[in-house]
Each structure stands twice: as structure tokens, then as C-alpha cells.
All heavy atoms as atom14 arrays in JSON, in Angstrom:
{
  "sequence": "GKGAFEKRPNPRFADIRTLFPIPSLTMHFVMAGDGGDQSLEAMVGKT",
  "atom14_mask": [
    [1, 1, 1, 1, 0, 0, 0, 0, 0, 0, 0, 0, 0, 0],
    [1, 1, 1, 1, 1, 1, 1, 1, 1, 0, 0, 0, 0, 0],
    [1, 1, 1, 1, 0, 0, 0, 0, 0, 0, 0, 0, 0, 0],
    [1, 1, 1, 1, 1, 0, 0, 0, 0, 0, 0, 0, 0, 0],
    [1, 1, 1, 1, 1, 1, 1, 1, 1, 1, 1, 0, 0, 0],
    [1, 1, 1, 1, 1, 1, 1, 1, 1, 0, 0, 0, 0, 0],
    [1, 1, 1, 1, 1, 1, 1, 1, 1, 0, 0, 0, 0, 0],
    [1, 1, 1, 1, 1, 1, 1, 1, 1, 1, 1, 0, 0, 0],
    [1, 1, 1, 1, 1, 1, 1, 0, 0, 0, 0, 0, 0, 0],
    [1, 1, 1, 1, 1, 1, 1, 1, 0, 0, 0, 0, 0, 0],
    [1, 1, 1, 1, 1, 1, 1, 0, 0, 0, 0, 0, 0, 0],
    [1, 1, 1, 1, 1, 1, 1, 1, 1, 1, 1, 0, 0, 0],
    [1, 1, 1, 1, 1, 1, 1, 1, 1, 1, 1, 0, 0, 0],
    [1, 1, 1, 1, 1, 0, 0, 0, 0, 0, 0, 0, 0, 0],
    [1, 1, 1, 1, 1, 1, 1, 1, 0, 0, 0, 0, 0, 0],
    [1, 1, 1, 1, 1, 1, 1, 1, 0, 0, 0, 0, 0, 0],
    [1, 1, 1, 1, 1, 1, 1, 1, 1, 1, 1, 0, 0, 0],
    [1, 1, 1, 1, 1, 1, 1, 0, 0, 0, 0, 0, 0, 0],
    [1, 1, 1, 1, 1, 1, 1, 1, 0, 0, 0, 0, 0, 0],
    [1, 1, 1, 1, 1, 1, 1, 1, 1, 1, 1, 0, 0, 0],
    [1, 1, 1, 1, 1, 1, 1, 0, 0, 0, 0, 0, 0, 0],
    [1, 1, 1, 1, 1, 1, 1, 1, 0, 0, 0, 0, 0, 0],
    [1, 1, 1, 1, 1, 1, 1, 0, 0, 0, 0, 0, 0, 0],
    [1, 1, 1, 1, 1, 1, 0, 0, 0, 0, 0, 0, 0, 0],
    [1, 1, 1, 1, 1, 1, 1, 1, 0, 0, 0, 0, 0, 0],
    [1, 1, 1, 1, 1, 1, 1, 0, 0, 0, 0, 0, 0, 0],
    [1, 1, 1, 1, 1, 1, 1, 1, 0, 0, 0, 0, 0, 0],
    [1, 1, 1, 1, 1, 1, 1, 1, 1, 1, 0, 0, 0, 0],
    [1, 1, 1, 1, 1, 1, 1, 1, 1, 1, 1, 0, 0, 0],
    [1, 1, 1, 1, 1, 1, 1, 0, 0, 0, 0, 0, 0, 0],
    [1, 1, 1, 1, 1, 1, 1, 1, 0, 0, 0, 0, 0, 0],
    [1, 1, 1, 1, 1, 0, 0, 0, 0, 0, 0, 0, 0, 0],
    [1, 1, 1, 1, 0, 0, 0, 0, 0, 0, 0, 0, 0, 0],
    [1, 1, 1, 1, 1, 1, 1, 1, 0, 0, 0, 0, 0, 0],
    [1, 1, 1, 1, 0, 0, 0, 0, 0, 0, 0, 0, 0, 0],
    [1, 1, 1, 1, 0, 0, 0, 0, 0, 0, 0, 0, 0, 0],
    [1, 1, 1, 1, 1, 1, 1, 1, 0, 0, 0, 0, 0, 0],
    [1, 1, 1, 1, 1, 1, 1, 1, 1, 0, 0, 0, 0, 0],
    [1, 1, 1, 1, 1, 1, 0, 0, 0, 0, 0, 0, 0, 0],
    [1, 1, 1, 1, 1, 1, 1, 1, 0, 0, 0, 0, 0, 0],
    [1, 1, 1, 1, 1, 1, 1, 1, 1, 0, 0, 0, 0, 0],
    [1, 1, 1, 1, 1, 0, 0, 0, 0, 0, 0, 0, 0, 0],
    [1, 1, 1, 1, 1, 1, 1, 1, 0, 0, 0, 0, 0, 0],
    [1, 1, 1, 1, 1, 1, 1, 0, 0, 0, 0, 0, 0, 0],
    [1, 1, 1, 1, 0, 0, 0, 0, 0, 0, 0, 0, 0, 0],
    [1, 1, 1, 1, 1, 1, 1, 1, 1, 0, 0, 0, 0, 0],
    [1, 1, 1, 1, 1, 1, 1, 0, 0, 0, 0, 0, 0, 0]
  ],
  "atom14_positions": [
    [[-19.42, -3.8, -5.81], [-19.22, -4.61, -7.01], [-18.28, -3.96, -8.0], [-18.48, -4.05, -9.22], [0.0, 0.0, 0.0], [0.0, 0.0, 0.0], [0.0, 0.0, 0.0], [0.0, 0.0, 0.0], [0.0, 0.0, 0.0], [0.0, 0.0, 0.0], [0.0, 0.0, 0.0], [0.0, 0.0, 0.0], [0.0, 0.0, 0.0], [0.0, 0.0, 0.0]],
    [[-17.23, -3.31, -7.51], [-16.3, -2.6, -8.36], [-14.89, -3.19, -8.25], [-14.62, -4.03, -7.39], [-16.27, -1.11, -8.01], [-17.59, -0.39, -8.23], [-17.49, 1.08, -7.84], [-18.8, 1.8, -8.08], [-18.7, 3.25, -7.69], [0.0, 0.0, 0.0], [0.0, 0.0, 0.0], [0.0, 0.0, 0.0], [0.0, 0.0, 0.0], [0.0, 0.0, 0.0]],
    [[-13.99, -2.71, -9.11], [-12.6, -3.13, -9.04], [-12.42, -4.63, -9.22], [-12.96, -5.22, -10.17], [0.0, 0.0, 0.0], [0.0, 0.0, 0.0], [0.0, 0.0, 0.0], [0.0, 0.0, 0.0], [0.0, 0.0, 0.0], [0.0, 0.0, 0.0], [0.0, 0.0, 0.0], [0.0, 0.0, 0.0], [0.0, 0.0, 0.0], [0.0, 0.0, 0.0]],
    [[-11.7, -5.25, -8.28], [-11.42, -6.68, -8.37], [-12.67, -7.53, -8.25], [-12.63, -8.74, -8.54], [-10.42, -7.06, -7.28], [0.0, 0.0, 0.0], [0.0, 0.0, 0.0], [0.0, 0.0, 0.0], [0.0, 0.0, 0.0], [0.0, 0.0, 0.0], [0.0, 0.0, 0.0], [0.0, 0.0, 0.0], [0.0, 0.0, 0.0], [0.0, 0.0, 0.0]],
    [[-13.78, -6.93, -7.85], [-15.01, -7.69, -7.61], [-16.09, -7.42, -8.66], [-17.21, -7.9, -8.54], [-15.55, -7.36, -6.22], [-14.51, -7.5, -5.14], [-13.74, -6.41, -4.74], [-14.25, -8.73, -4.56], [-12.76, -6.54, -3.77], [-13.28, -8.87, -3.58], [-12.53, -7.77, -3.2], [0.0, 0.0, 0.0], [0.0, 0.0, 0.0], [0.0, 0.0, 0.0]],
    [[-15.73, -6.66, -9.68], [-16.72, -6.29, -10.7], [-17.29, -7.51, -11.41], [-18.47, -7.57, -11.71], [-16.07, -5.34, -11.72], [-17.05, -4.81, -12.75], [-16.41, -3.78, -13.66], [-15.2, -3.51, -13.52], [-17.13, -3.24, -14.52], [0.0, 0.0, 0.0], [0.0, 0.0, 0.0], [0.0, 0.0, 0.0], [0.0, 0.0, 0.0], [0.0, 0.0, 0.0]],
    [[-16.43, -8.5, -11.67], [-16.89, -9.7, -12.37], [-17.32, -10.81, -11.42], [-17.75, -11.87, -11.85], [-15.78, -10.21, -13.29], [-15.43, -9.23, -14.41], [-14.35, -9.8, -15.32], [-14.01, -8.83, -16.45], [-12.95, -9.37, -17.35], [0.0, 0.0, 0.0], [0.0, 0.0, 0.0], [0.0, 0.0, 0.0], [0.0, 0.0, 0.0], [0.0, 0.0, 0.0]],
    [[-17.17, -10.54, -10.11], [-17.55, -11.55, -9.12], [-18.36, -10.92, -7.99], [-18.01, -11.05, -6.81], [-16.29, -12.23, -8.56], [-15.49, -13.0, -9.59], [-14.23, -13.59, -8.99], [-13.24, -12.57, -8.69], [-12.05, -12.8, -8.13], [-11.73, -14.04, -7.78], [-11.2, -11.82, -7.9], [0.0, 0.0, 0.0], [0.0, 0.0, 0.0], [0.0, 0.0, 0.0]],
    [[-19.44, -10.24, -8.33], [-20.23, -9.58, -7.27], [-20.96, -10.61, -6.42], [-21.24, -11.73, -6.86], [-21.22, -8.72, -8.08], [-21.39, -9.47, -9.36], [-20.04, -10.07, -9.66], [0.0, 0.0, 0.0], [0.0, 0.0, 0.0], [0.0, 0.0, 0.0], [0.0, 0.0, 0.0], [0.0, 0.0, 0.0], [0.0, 0.0, 0.0], [0.0, 0.0, 0.0]],
    [[-21.25, -10.23, -5.19], [-22.0, -11.12, -4.3], [-22.73, -10.25, -3.28], [-22.11, -9.39, -2.65], [-21.04, -12.07, -3.58], [-21.77, -13.22, -2.9], [-22.62, -13.0, -2.04], [-21.43, -14.44, -3.27], [0.0, 0.0, 0.0], [0.0, 0.0, 0.0], [0.0, 0.0, 0.0], [0.0, 0.0, 0.0], [0.0, 0.0, 0.0], [0.0, 0.0, 0.0]],
    [[-24.03, -10.46, -3.1], [-24.78, -9.63, -2.15], [-24.28, -9.75, -0.72], [-24.51, -8.84, 0.09], [-26.22, -10.14, -2.3], [-26.09, -11.51, -2.9], [-24.9, -11.45, -3.78], [0.0, 0.0, 0.0], [0.0, 0.0, 0.0], [0.0, 0.0, 0.0], [0.0, 0.0, 0.0], [0.0, 0.0, 0.0], [0.0, 0.0, 0.0], [0.0, 0.0, 0.0]],
    [[-23.59, -10.84, -0.4], [-23.12, -11.02, 0.98], [-21.96, -10.09, 1.32], [-21.63, -9.92, 2.5], [-22.7, -12.48, 1.21], [-23.9, -13.43, 1.32], [-23.49, -14.77, 1.86], [-22.9, -14.67, 3.19], [-22.28, -15.68, 3.8], [-22.17, -16.85, 3.2], [-21.76, -15.52, 5.0], [0.0, 0.0, 0.0], [0.0, 0.0, 0.0], [0.0, 0.0, 0.0]],
    [[-21.34, -9.47, 0.33], [-20.3, -8.49, 0.63], [-20.88, -7.33, 1.43], [-20.16, -6.66, 2.17], [-19.66, -7.96, -0.65], [-18.8, -8.98, -1.37], [-18.77, -9.02, -2.76], [-18.01, -9.88, -0.67], [-17.98, -9.95, -3.43], [-17.22, -10.82, -1.32], [-17.21, -10.84, -2.71], [0.0, 0.0, 0.0], [0.0, 0.0, 0.0], [0.0, 0.0, 0.0]],
    [[-22.17, -7.09, 1.26], [-22.82, -5.99, 1.99], [-22.98, -6.32, 3.47], [-23.35, -5.44, 4.26], [-24.19, -5.69, 1.37], [0.0, 0.0, 0.0], [0.0, 0.0, 0.0], [0.0, 0.0, 0.0], [0.0, 0.0, 0.0], [0.0, 0.0, 0.0], [0.0, 0.0, 0.0], [0.0, 0.0, 0.0], [0.0, 0.0, 0.0], [0.0, 0.0, 0.0]],
    [[-22.71, -7.56, 3.85], [-22.85, -7.98, 5.25], [-21.54, -7.84, 6.03], [-21.48, -8.2, 7.2], [-23.32, -9.44, 5.32], [-24.71, -9.64, 4.74], [-25.49, -8.67, 4.76], [-25.01, -10.75, 4.26], [0.0, 0.0, 0.0], [0.0, 0.0, 0.0], [0.0, 0.0, 0.0], [0.0, 0.0, 0.0], [0.0, 0.0, 0.0], [0.0, 0.0, 0.0]],
    [[-20.49, -7.35, 5.39], [-19.19, -7.18, 6.06], [-19.28, -6.0, 7.02], [-19.83, -4.95, 6.68], [-18.07, -6.96, 5.04], [-17.89, -8.22, 4.18], [-16.75, -6.63, 5.75], [-16.92, -8.05, 3.02], [0.0, 0.0, 0.0], [0.0, 0.0, 0.0], [0.0, 0.0, 0.0], [0.0, 0.0, 0.0], [0.0, 0.0, 0.0], [0.0, 0.0, 0.0]],
    [[-18.71, -6.18, 8.23], [-18.75, -5.14, 9.24], [-17.35, -4.95, 9.86], [-16.57, -5.88, 9.98], [-19.75, -5.5, 10.36], [-21.2, -5.58, 9.88], [-21.74, -4.21, 9.5], [-23.14, -4.26, 9.1], [-23.55, -4.41, 7.84], [-22.65, -4.53, 6.87], [-24.82, -4.42, 7.56], [0.0, 0.0, 0.0], [0.0, 0.0, 0.0], [0.0, 0.0, 0.0]],
    [[-17.08, -3.72, 10.27], [-15.78, -3.35, 10.85], [-15.68, -3.75, 12.32], [-16.66, -3.64, 13.07], [-15.57, -1.83, 10.73], [-15.63, -1.46, 9.35], [-14.24, -1.4, 11.31], [0.0, 0.0, 0.0], [0.0, 0.0, 0.0], [0.0, 0.0, 0.0], [0.0, 0.0, 0.0], [0.0, 0.0, 0.0], [0.0, 0.0, 0.0], [0.0, 0.0, 0.0]],
    [[-14.49, -4.19, 12.73], [-14.22, -4.5, 14.14], [-13.22, -3.51, 14.75], [-13.56, -2.73, 15.62], [-13.69, -5.93, 14.28], [-14.66, -7.06, 13.93], [-13.95, -8.41, 13.99], [-15.86, -7.06, 14.87], [0.0, 0.0, 0.0], [0.0, 0.0, 0.0], [0.0, 0.0, 0.0], [0.0, 0.0, 0.0], [0.0, 0.0, 0.0], [0.0, 0.0, 0.0]],
    [[-11.96, -3.54, 14.28], [-10.93, -2.67, 14.85], [-9.77, -2.55, 13.86], [-9.61, -3.39, 12.98], [-10.42, -3.2, 16.2], [-10.07, -4.67, 16.18], [-8.86, -5.12, 15.67], [-10.95, -5.61, 16.7], [-8.53, -6.47, 15.67], [-10.64, -6.98, 16.7], [-9.41, -7.4, 16.18], [0.0, 0.0, 0.0], [0.0, 0.0, 0.0], [0.0, 0.0, 0.0]],
    [[-8.95, -1.49, 13.99], [-7.78, -1.33, 13.11], [-6.61, -2.18, 13.56], [-6.49, -2.53, 14.74], [-7.46, 0.16, 13.23], [-7.94, 0.52, 14.6], [-9.14, -0.34, 14.88], [0.0, 0.0, 0.0], [0.0, 0.0, 0.0], [0.0, 0.0, 0.0], [0.0, 0.0, 0.0], [0.0, 0.0, 0.0], [0.0, 0.0, 0.0], [0.0, 0.0, 0.0]],
    [[-5.75, -2.52, 12.6], [-4.48, -3.17, 12.91], [-3.39, -2.32, 12.25], [-3.71, -1.34, 11.56], [-4.44, -4.63, 12.42], [-4.52, -4.71, 10.89], [-5.57, -5.44, 13.06], [-4.29, -6.13, 10.36], [0.0, 0.0, 0.0], [0.0, 0.0, 0.0], [0.0, 0.0, 0.0], [0.0, 0.0, 0.0], [0.0, 0.0, 0.0], [0.0, 0.0, 0.0]],
    [[-2.11, -2.61, 12.45], [-1.07, -1.77, 11.86], [-1.22, -1.59, 10.35], [-1.55, -2.53, 9.63], [0.21, -2.53, 12.21], [-0.12, -3.21, 13.5], [-1.55, -3.65, 13.34], [0.0, 0.0, 0.0], [0.0, 0.0, 0.0], [0.0, 0.0, 0.0], [0.0, 0.0, 0.0], [0.0, 0.0, 0.0], [0.0, 0.0, 0.0], [0.0, 0.0, 0.0]],
    [[-0.96, -0.37, 9.89], [-1.14, -0.03, 8.48], [0.02, -0.55, 7.63], [1.13, -0.77, 8.11], [-1.22, 1.49, 8.32], [-2.31, 2.02, 9.03], [0.0, 0.0, 0.0], [0.0, 0.0, 0.0], [0.0, 0.0, 0.0], [0.0, 0.0, 0.0], [0.0, 0.0, 0.0], [0.0, 0.0, 0.0], [0.0, 0.0, 0.0], [0.0, 0.0, 0.0]],
    [[-0.25, -0.72, 6.32], [0.79, -1.04, 5.35], [1.56, 0.25, 5.05], [1.01, 1.17, 4.43], [0.17, -1.57, 4.06], [-0.1, -3.07, 3.94], [-0.97, -3.33, 2.72], [1.2, -3.84, 3.82], [0.0, 0.0, 0.0], [0.0, 0.0, 0.0], [0.0, 0.0, 0.0], [0.0, 0.0, 0.0], [0.0, 0.0, 0.0], [0.0, 0.0, 0.0]],
    [[2.77, 0.35, 5.5], [3.54, 1.58, 5.39], [4.65, 1.45, 4.35], [5.41, 0.49, 4.36], [4.15, 1.94, 6.76], [3.1, 2.1, 7.71], [4.96, 3.22, 6.69], [0.0, 0.0, 0.0], [0.0, 0.0, 0.0], [0.0, 0.0, 0.0], [0.0, 0.0, 0.0], [0.0, 0.0, 0.0], [0.0, 0.0, 0.0], [0.0, 0.0, 0.0]],
    [[4.71, 2.42, 3.46], [5.72, 2.39, 2.4], [7.1, 2.73, 2.96], [7.26, 3.69, 3.71], [5.36, 3.39, 1.29], [4.14, 3.0, 0.48], [4.38, 1.48, -0.47], [5.6, 2.03, -1.68], [0.0, 0.0, 0.0], [0.0, 0.0, 0.0], [0.0, 0.0, 0.0], [0.0, 0.0, 0.0], [0.0, 0.0, 0.0], [0.0, 0.0, 0.0]],
    [[8.08, 1.92, 2.58], [9.48, 2.14, 2.95], [10.32, 2.22, 1.68], [10.29, 1.3, 0.85], [10.05, 0.97, 3.77], [9.45, 0.8, 5.13], [8.13, 0.44, 5.35], [10.01, 0.9, 6.37], [7.92, 0.33, 6.65], [9.03, 0.61, 7.29], [0.0, 0.0, 0.0], [0.0, 0.0, 0.0], [0.0, 0.0, 0.0], [0.0, 0.0, 0.0]],
    [[11.05, 3.32, 1.51], [12.02, 3.44, 0.43], [13.4, 3.35, 1.1], [13.86, 4.3, 1.74], [11.85, 4.76, -0.31], [10.54, 4.86, -1.05], [9.39, 5.29, -0.41], [10.47, 4.5, -2.39], [8.18, 5.37, -1.09], [9.26, 4.57, -3.08], [8.12, 5.01, -2.43], [0.0, 0.0, 0.0], [0.0, 0.0, 0.0], [0.0, 0.0, 0.0]],
    [[14.02, 2.19, 0.97], [15.25, 1.88, 1.69], [16.45, 1.98, 0.75], [16.46, 1.37, -0.32], [15.2, 0.45, 2.29], [16.41, 0.17, 3.16], [13.91, 0.25, 3.07], [0.0, 0.0, 0.0], [0.0, 0.0, 0.0], [0.0, 0.0, 0.0], [0.0, 0.0, 0.0], [0.0, 0.0, 0.0], [0.0, 0.0, 0.0], [0.0, 0.0, 0.0]],
    [[17.45, 2.76, 1.16], [18.66, 2.92, 0.35], [19.9, 2.57, 1.18], [19.93, 2.79, 2.39], [18.78, 4.36, -0.15], [17.63, 4.83, -1.02], [17.55, 3.99, -2.63], [19.01, 4.66, -3.43], [0.0, 0.0, 0.0], [0.0, 0.0, 0.0], [0.0, 0.0, 0.0], [0.0, 0.0, 0.0], [0.0, 0.0, 0.0], [0.0, 0.0, 0.0]],
    [[20.91, 2.06, 0.51], [22.19, 1.78, 1.18], [22.88, 3.09, 1.48], [22.77, 4.08, 0.75], [23.06, 0.91, 0.3], [0.0, 0.0, 0.0], [0.0, 0.0, 0.0], [0.0, 0.0, 0.0], [0.0, 0.0, 0.0], [0.0, 0.0, 0.0], [0.0, 0.0, 0.0], [0.0, 0.0, 0.0], [0.0, 0.0, 0.0], [0.0, 0.0, 0.0]],
    [[23.62, 3.12, 2.59], [24.37, 4.32, 2.97], [23.59, 5.17, 3.95], [22.41, 4.95, 4.19], [0.0, 0.0, 0.0], [0.0, 0.0, 0.0], [0.0, 0.0, 0.0], [0.0, 0.0, 0.0], [0.0, 0.0, 0.0], [0.0, 0.0, 0.0], [0.0, 0.0, 0.0], [0.0, 0.0, 0.0], [0.0, 0.0, 0.0], [0.0, 0.0, 0.0]],
    [[24.28, 6.12, 4.54], [23.62, 7.03, 5.48], [23.97, 8.47, 5.11], [25.02, 8.73, 4.53], [24.02, 6.73, 6.92], [25.52, 6.79, 7.13], [26.26, 6.9, 6.13], [25.96, 6.72, 8.29], [0.0, 0.0, 0.0], [0.0, 0.0, 0.0], [0.0, 0.0, 0.0], [0.0, 0.0, 0.0], [0.0, 0.0, 0.0], [0.0, 0.0, 0.0]],
    [[23.1, 9.39, 5.43], [23.34, 10.79, 5.11], [23.1, 11.08, 3.64], [22.69, 10.22, 2.86], [0.0, 0.0, 0.0], [0.0, 0.0, 0.0], [0.0, 0.0, 0.0], [0.0, 0.0, 0.0], [0.0, 0.0, 0.0], [0.0, 0.0, 0.0], [0.0, 0.0, 0.0], [0.0, 0.0, 0.0], [0.0, 0.0, 0.0], [0.0, 0.0, 0.0]],
    [[23.4, 12.33, 3.26], [23.21, 12.73, 1.87], [21.73, 12.95, 1.55], [20.9, 13.13, 2.45], [0.0, 0.0, 0.0], [0.0, 0.0, 0.0], [0.0, 0.0, 0.0], [0.0, 0.0, 0.0], [0.0, 0.0, 0.0], [0.0, 0.0, 0.0], [0.0, 0.0, 0.0], [0.0, 0.0, 0.0], [0.0, 0.0, 0.0], [0.0, 0.0, 0.0]],
    [[21.4, 12.93, 0.26], [20.04, 13.2, -0.2], [19.09, 12.12, 0.32], [19.31, 10.93, 0.12], [20.03, 13.23, -1.74], [18.67, 13.65, -2.3], [17.78, 14.04, -1.49], [18.5, 13.59, -3.52], [0.0, 0.0, 0.0], [0.0, 0.0, 0.0], [0.0, 0.0, 0.0], [0.0, 0.0, 0.0], [0.0, 0.0, 0.0], [0.0, 0.0, 0.0]],
    [[18.03, 12.56, 0.99], [17.05, 11.61, 1.5], [15.67, 11.8, 0.87], [14.68, 11.3, 1.37], [16.97, 11.71, 3.02], [18.23, 11.19, 3.71], [18.15, 11.28, 5.22], [18.62, 12.24, 5.83], [17.55, 10.28, 5.83], [0.0, 0.0, 0.0], [0.0, 0.0, 0.0], [0.0, 0.0, 0.0], [0.0, 0.0, 0.0], [0.0, 0.0, 0.0]],
    [[15.65, 12.53, -0.24], [14.39, 12.69, -0.98], [14.26, 11.52, -1.95], [15.2, 10.74, -2.16], [14.4, 14.01, -1.74], [15.3, 13.96, -2.83], [0.0, 0.0, 0.0], [0.0, 0.0, 0.0], [0.0, 0.0, 0.0], [0.0, 0.0, 0.0], [0.0, 0.0, 0.0], [0.0, 0.0, 0.0], [0.0, 0.0, 0.0], [0.0, 0.0, 0.0]],
    [[13.12, 11.41, -2.6], [12.91, 10.34, -3.57], [13.87, 10.47, -4.75], [14.17, 9.47, -5.43], [11.46, 10.36, -4.06], [10.37, 10.07, -3.01], [8.99, 10.06, -3.66], [10.62, 8.74, -2.3], [0.0, 0.0, 0.0], [0.0, 0.0, 0.0], [0.0, 0.0, 0.0], [0.0, 0.0, 0.0], [0.0, 0.0, 0.0], [0.0, 0.0, 0.0]],
    [[14.4, 11.67, -4.98], [15.36, 11.9, -6.05], [16.65, 11.1, -5.83], [17.44, 10.91, -6.76], [15.69, 13.39, -6.16], [14.54, 14.25, -6.68], [14.29, 14.04, -8.17], [15.27, 13.77, -8.91], [13.12, 14.14, -8.59], [0.0, 0.0, 0.0], [0.0, 0.0, 0.0], [0.0, 0.0, 0.0], [0.0, 0.0, 0.0], [0.0, 0.0, 0.0]],
    [[16.87, 10.64, -4.61], [18.07, 9.86, -4.32], [18.09, 8.53, -5.07], [19.13, 7.87, -5.16], [18.19, 9.61, -2.82], [0.0, 0.0, 0.0], [0.0, 0.0, 0.0], [0.0, 0.0, 0.0], [0.0, 0.0, 0.0], [0.0, 0.0, 0.0], [0.0, 0.0, 0.0], [0.0, 0.0, 0.0], [0.0, 0.0, 0.0], [0.0, 0.0, 0.0]],
    [[16.96, 8.15, -5.65], [16.9, 6.89, -6.42], [17.39, 7.06, -7.85], [17.61, 6.06, -8.55], [15.48, 6.34, -6.43], [15.0, 5.82, -5.08], [13.39, 4.98, -5.17], [12.28, 6.39, -5.37], [0.0, 0.0, 0.0], [0.0, 0.0, 0.0], [0.0, 0.0, 0.0], [0.0, 0.0, 0.0], [0.0, 0.0, 0.0], [0.0, 0.0, 0.0]],
    [[17.54, 8.3, -8.31], [17.96, 8.55, -9.69], [19.33, 7.91, -9.96], [20.28, 8.09, -9.19], [18.02, 10.07, -9.98], [18.65, 10.33, -11.35], [16.63, 10.68, -9.92], [0.0, 0.0, 0.0], [0.0, 0.0, 0.0], [0.0, 0.0, 0.0], [0.0, 0.0, 0.0], [0.0, 0.0, 0.0], [0.0, 0.0, 0.0], [0.0, 0.0, 0.0]],
    [[19.4, 7.16, -11.06], [20.66, 6.51, -11.45], [20.98, 5.27, -10.64], [22.07, 4.69, -10.8], [0.0, 0.0, 0.0], [0.0, 0.0, 0.0], [0.0, 0.0, 0.0], [0.0, 0.0, 0.0], [0.0, 0.0, 0.0], [0.0, 0.0, 0.0], [0.0, 0.0, 0.0], [0.0, 0.0, 0.0], [0.0, 0.0, 0.0], [0.0, 0.0, 0.0]],
    [[20.08, 4.82, -9.8], [20.33, 3.67, -8.92], [19.55, 2.44, -9.38], [18.59, 2.53, -10.15], [19.94, 4.02, -7.48], [20.61, 5.26, -6.92], [22.12, 5.11, -6.82], [22.73, 6.33, -6.14], [24.21, 6.21, -6.02], [0.0, 0.0, 0.0], [0.0, 0.0, 0.0], [0.0, 0.0, 0.0], [0.0, 0.0, 0.0], [0.0, 0.0, 0.0]],
    [[19.96, 1.3, -8.87], [19.25, 0.04, -9.12], [18.35, -0.25, -7.93], [18.83, -0.39, -6.79], [20.24, -1.13, -9.32], [21.06, -0.85, -10.46], [19.49, -2.43, -9.55], [0.0, 0.0, 0.0], [0.0, 0.0, 0.0], [0.0, 0.0, 0.0], [0.0, 0.0, 0.0], [0.0, 0.0, 0.0], [0.0, 0.0, 0.0], [0.0, 0.0, 0.0]]
  ]
}
């Protein structure tokens, strides 16, 4: 009953059970060009 569900609690949430994993949500920081700085600092001064 926390976070997004704090104001909408329901006892049936306790009945949820796990089945299997699917592909994860993976963060991508995509920049134009190749080579050069590939750290997050490469975003400095960019749009």
C-alpha cells in the first residue's frame, strides 16, 4: 500500500504471484557520431 498505491490500497494486491521474467527495461543514452568521449559527460553542452 505504498507509492502509487498509497491512496488506492486493495487487499487483493497480496494475491499477486510471480510467473517468469521477461526482458528488462534497459537504459540507453544514444548520441550522434561515433568514437570520442563515451561517458555520460559527453552530454555536456548538447541538446
